[in-house]
Amino acid sequence: MAGPRQFPDSLEAQLNALESDGEVQGYVAGREALADDPARPLYHFSPPMHFMNDPNGLCQWQGRYHLFFQYLPGGEQLTPERRQGVCWGHAVSDDLVNWRDLPIALYPDVERDCFSGQTLVEDDRVIALYHGTRAGNGIATAGDPLLLNWQKHPDNPVIPGDPQGLGGGGGDEVVAENGKYRVFDPCIWKEEDGYYSISGTFMDGDFGGTRGVDALGVDHLFYSKDLGSWTYLGPLVTDDQLAEPGEDMAVPNFWPISDDKHMLLLFSHKRAGRYYIGSYDYETHRFTPETHGRMNYGPWTVGSLHAPSATVDASGRYLGIFNIKEGRDFRGWNDIMSLPRHYWLAEDDTLRQAPVPELEGYRFDEVHAPPQEIAANSERLLENVSGQAIEIEAVIEPGEAREVGLTVLRSPDGAEQTRISLFTPLQDRRANPGWLQIDSTGSSLAEDVHGRPPEQGPLDIAPDEPLHLRIFIDRSIIEVFANDVQCLTLRVYPSRADSNGVSLFARGGAAQLRSLVAWQMRSVWPELKQFEGR
């Protein structure tokens, strides 16, 4: 294997030295070659090229944020010593928004692929626990300023799995003294007596898609004093009450979200991103879920939210990021990362979420729309609000409307448009608490875009509470945050350069726009600066 990269001691000098690194130069060239694709986002993270999947190991180390991700590079990026397989791609950022490509962190060796996992930050190092397909779960550590030089544990896989399969859904169960378990995407944390990890994903049946009608979701718990020798302790949590049958507990992220509650943020191969909030007993090492919720509501294989990675940063924020799948045919690259999200608990222990405030530093060209009535069964085009890479913040009083919202990425003739709206609650709120939606059925005229029903999630707001929307549009992705309660995410692919308009509409009754402000958003990618403000 190639030796560790040698860089100057100064952190800034290290960053500058990377500009001449052959691997990083390849990423720059790849990004420039894809710059003409109108789906490339300006302020979301996208891969330099090729195949990207789950985010992994989100963490903050020595003041900077690091993002790892499943990455399948092209042959031109591999040396003869590094056989091809899924690797851990790597990027670094000062603010969770402006990411910079770094060399690949983990290549497979004893495993076929380096699949998903999470990281643990200690004073002098970062520990990565990942799933090695056809091997088991492995450990790697790094302690240099940019986490460039990773050393794998000599005893990998430290938690052996099934050498014949993926070690998760398709693999045989491993028999241990305390029972049977499956080895798959892990998470790691530390308590006073040593290290703990969990690994999913299901038991007693099959899982995922329409096949999974009987499986039970589970995350198995392991303990180690030295990272090399691990003991199986049984399930941290199983769920036969809150989730649907056939939902597994993949890509787990288990962190405290308040003084007395933990949140388990994970991925289901049947319904995608979801979470549990509950109590963790440090004596019995068992997690008791009290509430369960979803981050995705539609078919996760078509332009939807996928798998998460999460961390608690130095300021105590529980942060999460997801990858979002494509909704069109492959064009030399795939997938986008969501904007980083801050999660916290309200006084009643229900989950709240918002985009990280660091995004506000990328706004420019602020414009306002005046307060106005939105007449029943009407649409009103906003003359001064437009763009394909913008943020919109709007406050709307639904009034008597049964549906109220905005169209975005709208062509002048309306042939392309995406609808964002609230279906207001019924008087009997148990029957219909209100639903937020992103409707992409009219978003694109392109022939290779896949069909998909609207993404719809519940939004229960009080009768006198206005709808407060923060809408992030970045060419081929829309993220809608509503009242700090709900977030919907969906990929869209407008094919026309003039599909950049914004309008207001109401159905069934009049509504009132209380305020609306919009900003163009800066590009974090040099090759895409030319598209700002369009």
Foldseek 3Di string as FASTA:
>chain_A
DDDFDDFDQDPVRRVVVCCPPPLLVVLLVLQLVCQPALQDFFWFDFGSFAEWAWKAAFAADPQKTKIWTFGFDDPVNDDPVADGATFIWMWIGNQLTQIGGDPTQGTDDPARYFAHEYWEDDPQKIKTWTAGFLWAIWIWIAGGPRNRDIDTDPQPVLGGAHNPGRQAQPGDWDQDPVGTFTGHYKYWDADPQFIKMWGWKWDDAHAAAPRFQAIKAFIWMWTDHPRRHIDTDGTQDIDPDADGGRWMFHNWDWDDQDPFKIKIWWATNHFATKIFIAGADPVSNHTDGDDIGGQFDWDQQAFFWHTKYWDQYPVRWIKMKTWTFYQFDDDRGTIIIDAIKTWHADPVRAIFIDGDPSQVVFFDDKDKDAKDKFFAFDKFWDPPAWDQFKKKKWWKFQPQFQKKFKWFLAAPVRQAIKTWIKRDADPPCVVPQIKTWIARQRHEPDPGGHDTGITIDHDRDDNGGIWIWIWGGTSFKIWIHTPSRGITIGGGHYPDPRSIIMMIHTHPGMMITHIMMMTWGAGSRVSNRVRTPD
